Amino acid sequence: MPSYARDRKDSGKAPVSRKRPKEKVRMKPAAERLLDAAETLFADYGYNGVSVRQIVERARVNLGAVPYHFGTKENLFKQALYRRAVPLRIERETLIRQLNQNGKSPSLEDVLWALLEPALRTSHENDSFRKLLGRASMDPAPEVRKLMAEIYNPDFLFVPKELRKACAHLPNEVFYWRLNCFYGVMLFVLADTGKIQTIAGKNFDTSSTEKALEHIIPFLAAGFRAPV
């Protein structure tokens, strides 16, 4: 097994029925409901396919809640991504630090696992975030590309930096083409469009993070190691 994959009693009496007072269902704070609504709607229809009115209606808040909590639709979009992307970045950084603790350079496979496993697991745990990240990353609309560039500022350049260290032997042009292929694989798997099922059959299952990594990591490692 590769290193990146290891690591009430019965009293004899009938229960007594007791009526309990009805508990009030507590609603989430307005800002959180807006983020939930925005995440779902942007994931399903894209940034330009959703209006602020649709978001506030789904969140069950008044129209002034967006400017009050987030200022603009653009900032709401960014914050909907940030709330998942920041913990994801922190987990990746923690995993890489752990790999470097023994003073030796981690293998390319270990680096790929540390970068991909949190993203794939998070995406399977949250379907809306998976779809939102995949759709937004490949949306050609200029305003969306601008927003994504603002979201993935230098603080989020951790992935290419770590892969560059693991592939220090590659010339820049070769490395960046292979990095482009890395993103293509990762984003397509995250988007999980169902296209592969039209080829392999509807029973082809892509829901397992472990199985996905079993195939993706050797494939990408071979690509990065291919002769120049």
Protein backbone atom coordinates (compact mmCIF):
# COMPACT_ATOMS: atom_id res chain seq x y z
CA MET A 1 0.00 0.00 0.00
CA PRO A 2 1.48 3.37 -1.02
CA SER A 3 2.42 5.76 1.78
CA TYR A 4 -0.08 8.40 0.68
CA ALA A 5 -2.95 6.00 1.42
CA ARG A 6 -1.92 4.79 5.04
CA ASP A 7 -1.40 7.25 6.81
CA ARG A 8 -30.68 2.42 26.08
CA LYS A 9 -31.28 -0.94 28.06
CA ASP A 10 -34.47 -2.99 27.83
CA SER A 11 -36.25 -2.61 31.20
CA GLY A 12 -38.99 -5.16 30.37
CA LYS A 13 -41.63 -2.41 30.58
CA ALA A 14 -43.46 -0.64 27.81
CA PRO A 15 -42.15 2.88 27.26
CA VAL A 16 -44.18 5.63 28.85
CA SER A 17 -45.35 8.26 26.41
CA ARG A 18 -44.77 11.79 27.65
CA LYS A 19 -45.71 14.87 25.72
CA ARG A 20 -42.90 17.33 25.36
CA PRO A 21 -43.35 21.00 24.72
CA LYS A 22 -42.69 21.92 21.13
CA GLU A 23 -39.26 23.41 20.63
CA LYS A 24 -38.81 26.48 18.53
CA VAL A 25 -36.86 25.83 15.36
CA ARG A 26 -33.96 28.22 15.41
CA MET A 27 -33.09 29.77 12.09
CA LYS A 28 -29.51 30.38 11.08
CA PRO A 29 -28.31 33.99 11.13
CA ALA A 30 -29.20 35.97 8.02
CA ALA A 31 -25.62 36.16 6.75
CA GLU A 32 -25.21 32.38 6.95
CA ARG A 33 -28.54 31.81 5.17
CA LEU A 34 -27.41 34.16 2.42
CA LEU A 35 -24.16 32.25 2.01
CA ASP A 36 -26.02 28.91 1.86
CA ALA A 37 -28.49 30.26 -0.70
CA ALA A 38 -25.79 31.89 -2.80
CA GLU A 39 -23.65 28.75 -2.80
CA THR A 40 -26.55 26.57 -4.01
CA LEU A 41 -27.87 29.00 -6.63
CA PHE A 42 -24.47 29.98 -8.03
CA ALA A 43 -23.58 26.26 -8.22
CA ASP A 44 -26.75 25.42 -10.14
CA TYR A 45 -27.08 28.44 -12.44
CA GLY A 46 -23.73 30.23 -12.48
CA TYR A 47 -22.85 33.75 -11.38
CA ASN A 48 -24.67 35.49 -14.21
CA GLY A 49 -27.71 33.20 -13.99
CA VAL A 50 -28.66 34.33 -10.48
CA SER A 51 -30.07 37.65 -9.27
CA VAL A 52 -29.80 39.15 -5.80
CA ARG A 53 -33.59 38.91 -5.50
CA GLN A 54 -33.47 35.14 -6.09
CA ILE A 55 -30.80 34.77 -3.42
CA VAL A 56 -32.71 36.74 -0.77
CA GLU A 57 -35.93 34.88 -1.56
CA ARG A 58 -34.24 31.52 -1.06
CA ALA A 59 -32.52 32.76 2.11
CA ARG A 60 -35.82 34.21 3.40
CA VAL A 61 -34.37 37.62 4.18
CA ASN A 62 -35.22 41.11 2.95
CA LEU A 63 -33.58 42.68 -0.07
CA GLY A 64 -31.45 44.97 2.09
CA ALA A 65 -29.69 42.02 3.74
CA VAL A 66 -27.16 41.58 0.93
CA PRO A 67 -25.80 45.15 0.99
CA TYR A 68 -25.94 45.16 4.80
CA HIS A 69 -23.92 41.95 5.26
CA PHE A 70 -21.84 41.72 2.08
CA GLY A 71 -22.06 45.01 0.21
CA THR A 72 -22.42 43.61 -3.30
CA LYS A 73 -23.36 40.47 -5.19
CA GLU A 74 -19.71 40.16 -6.21
CA ASN A 75 -18.54 40.11 -2.60
CA LEU A 76 -21.26 37.61 -1.64
CA PHE A 77 -19.97 35.32 -4.40
CA LYS A 78 -16.41 35.65 -3.13
CA GLN A 79 -17.39 35.02 0.50
CA ALA A 80 -19.41 31.94 -0.50
CA LEU A 81 -16.23 30.50 -1.98
CA TYR A 82 -13.89 31.76 0.74
CA ARG A 83 -15.75 30.03 3.58
CA ARG A 84 -14.91 26.62 2.08
CA ALA A 85 -11.68 27.47 0.27
CA VAL A 86 -9.85 28.94 3.29
CA PRO A 87 -10.26 25.83 5.51
CA LEU A 88 -9.28 23.73 2.50
CA ARG A 89 -6.09 25.73 2.01
CA ILE A 90 -5.25 25.48 5.73
CA GLU A 91 -5.72 21.69 5.70
CA ARG A 92 -3.47 21.34 2.66
CA GLU A 93 -0.78 23.45 4.33
CA THR A 94 -1.00 21.33 7.50
CA LEU A 95 -0.62 18.10 5.54
CA ILE A 96 2.41 19.41 3.64
CA ARG A 97 4.03 20.58 6.91
CA GLN A 98 3.53 17.09 8.34
CA LEU A 99 5.17 15.55 5.27
CA ASN A 100 8.21 17.79 5.74
CA GLN A 101 8.63 17.11 9.48
CA ASN A 102 11.26 14.40 9.07
CA GLY A 103 13.54 16.71 7.14
CA LYS A 104 13.30 14.73 3.91
CA SER A 105 11.68 15.95 0.72
CA PRO A 106 8.28 14.22 0.30
CA SER A 107 7.65 12.15 -2.79
CA LEU A 108 5.62 13.59 -5.67
CA GLU A 109 2.85 11.10 -4.84
CA ASP A 110 2.73 12.30 -1.22
CA VAL A 111 2.50 15.93 -2.35
CA LEU A 112 -0.28 15.12 -4.83
CA TRP A 113 -2.21 13.25 -2.10
CA ALA A 114 -1.88 16.17 0.36
CA LEU A 115 -3.14 18.62 -2.27
CA LEU A 116 -5.93 16.49 -3.77
CA GLU A 117 -7.40 14.47 -0.88
CA PRO A 118 -8.85 17.46 1.05
CA ALA A 119 -10.34 18.92 -2.15
CA LEU A 120 -11.99 15.68 -3.26
CA ARG A 121 -13.23 14.78 0.23
CA THR A 122 -14.65 18.29 0.80
CA SER A 123 -16.37 18.19 -2.57
CA HIS A 124 -18.01 14.84 -1.82
CA GLU A 125 -19.16 16.13 1.57
CA ASN A 126 -20.68 19.29 0.04
CA ASP A 127 -22.24 18.86 -3.39
CA SER A 128 -23.01 22.56 -3.86
CA PHE A 129 -19.42 23.61 -3.19
CA ARG A 130 -18.17 20.94 -5.60
CA LYS A 131 -20.40 22.21 -8.39
CA LEU A 132 -19.73 25.86 -7.58
CA LEU A 133 -15.96 25.43 -7.65
CA GLY A 134 -16.02 23.44 -10.87
CA ARG A 135 -18.44 25.79 -12.63
CA ALA A 136 -16.78 29.02 -11.47
CA SER A 137 -13.28 27.80 -12.33
CA MET A 138 -14.30 27.08 -15.93
CA ASP A 139 -16.74 29.96 -16.49
CA PRO A 140 -15.46 32.02 -19.45
CA ALA A 141 -17.43 35.19 -18.51
CA PRO A 142 -14.94 38.05 -17.97
CA GLU A 143 -16.53 39.19 -14.71
CA VAL A 144 -16.33 35.67 -13.28
CA ARG A 145 -12.72 35.26 -14.37
CA LYS A 146 -11.92 38.58 -12.70
CA LEU A 147 -13.62 37.48 -9.47
CA MET A 148 -11.80 34.13 -9.50
CA ALA A 149 -8.47 35.93 -9.99
CA GLU A 150 -9.27 38.09 -6.95
CA ILE A 151 -10.25 35.02 -4.89
CA TYR A 152 -7.15 33.04 -5.83
CA ASN A 153 -4.72 35.78 -4.84
CA PRO A 154 -1.11 35.02 -3.85
CA ASP A 155 -2.30 33.53 -0.54
CA PHE A 156 -3.88 30.73 -2.57
CA LEU A 157 -0.85 29.92 -4.74
CA PHE A 158 0.15 27.15 -2.35
CA VAL A 159 -0.68 24.31 -4.77
CA PRO A 160 1.55 25.37 -7.68
CA LYS A 161 4.38 26.33 -5.30
CA GLU A 162 4.42 22.87 -3.70
CA LEU A 163 4.21 21.09 -7.04
CA ARG A 164 7.03 23.25 -8.38
CA LYS A 165 9.24 22.13 -5.48
CA ALA A 166 8.42 18.49 -6.24
CA CYS A 167 9.18 19.03 -9.95
CA ALA A 168 12.20 21.29 -9.68
CA HIS A 169 13.89 19.48 -12.59
CA LEU A 170 11.32 20.61 -15.15
CA PRO A 171 11.84 23.71 -17.32
CA ASN A 172 9.27 26.41 -16.62
CA GLU A 173 7.28 26.01 -19.82
CA VAL A 174 7.05 22.23 -19.41
CA PHE A 175 6.10 22.51 -15.75
CA TYR A 176 3.31 25.04 -16.39
CA TRP A 177 1.83 22.95 -19.20
CA ARG A 178 1.79 19.94 -16.87
CA LEU A 179 0.36 22.09 -14.08
CA ASN A 180 -2.37 23.11 -16.54
CA CYS A 181 -3.14 19.43 -17.08
CA PHE A 182 -3.17 18.88 -13.29
CA TYR A 183 -5.84 21.56 -12.89
CA GLY A 184 -7.79 20.13 -15.82
CA VAL A 185 -7.94 16.69 -14.19
CA MET A 186 -8.73 18.04 -10.72
CA LEU A 187 -11.47 20.43 -11.86
CA PHE A 188 -13.13 17.91 -14.16
CA VAL A 189 -13.24 15.30 -11.39
CA LEU A 190 -14.55 17.91 -8.94
CA ALA A 191 -17.23 19.07 -11.38
CA ASP A 192 -18.46 15.44 -11.73
CA THR A 193 -20.65 16.37 -14.70
CA GLY A 194 -21.83 12.79 -15.30
CA LYS A 195 -20.22 12.69 -18.73
CA ILE A 196 -18.16 9.60 -17.92
CA GLN A 197 -21.39 7.73 -17.07
CA THR A 198 -22.63 8.30 -20.63
CA ILE A 199 -19.57 6.36 -21.78
CA ALA A 200 -18.94 3.82 -19.02
CA GLY A 201 -22.58 3.32 -18.02
CA LYS A 202 -24.78 4.77 -15.30
CA ASN A 203 -23.42 2.37 -12.66
CA PHE A 204 -19.89 3.76 -12.96
CA ASP A 205 -19.35 5.23 -9.48
CA THR A 206 -17.18 8.32 -8.97
CA SER A 207 -18.30 9.03 -5.38
CA SER A 208 -15.38 7.40 -3.53
CA THR A 209 -12.52 9.74 -2.67
CA GLU A 210 -10.17 6.80 -1.98
CA LYS A 211 -10.86 5.12 -5.32
CA ALA A 212 -10.54 8.38 -7.20
CA LEU A 213 -7.12 9.02 -5.63
CA GLU A 214 -5.98 5.48 -6.45
CA HIS A 215 -6.31 6.36 -10.13
CA ILE A 216 -5.64 10.10 -10.22
CA ILE A 217 -2.36 10.18 -8.28
CA PRO A 218 -0.43 7.62 -10.39
CA PHE A 219 -1.80 9.22 -13.56
CA LEU A 220 -0.69 12.72 -12.59
CA ALA A 221 2.63 11.57 -11.17
CA ALA A 222 3.44 9.83 -14.44
CA GLY A 223 2.53 12.98 -16.32
CA PHE A 224 4.82 15.17 -14.24
CA ARG A 225 7.62 12.62 -14.60
CA ALA A 226 7.25 12.08 -18.33
CA PRO A 227 10.46 12.69 -20.31
CA VAL A 228 10.95 16.21 -21.59
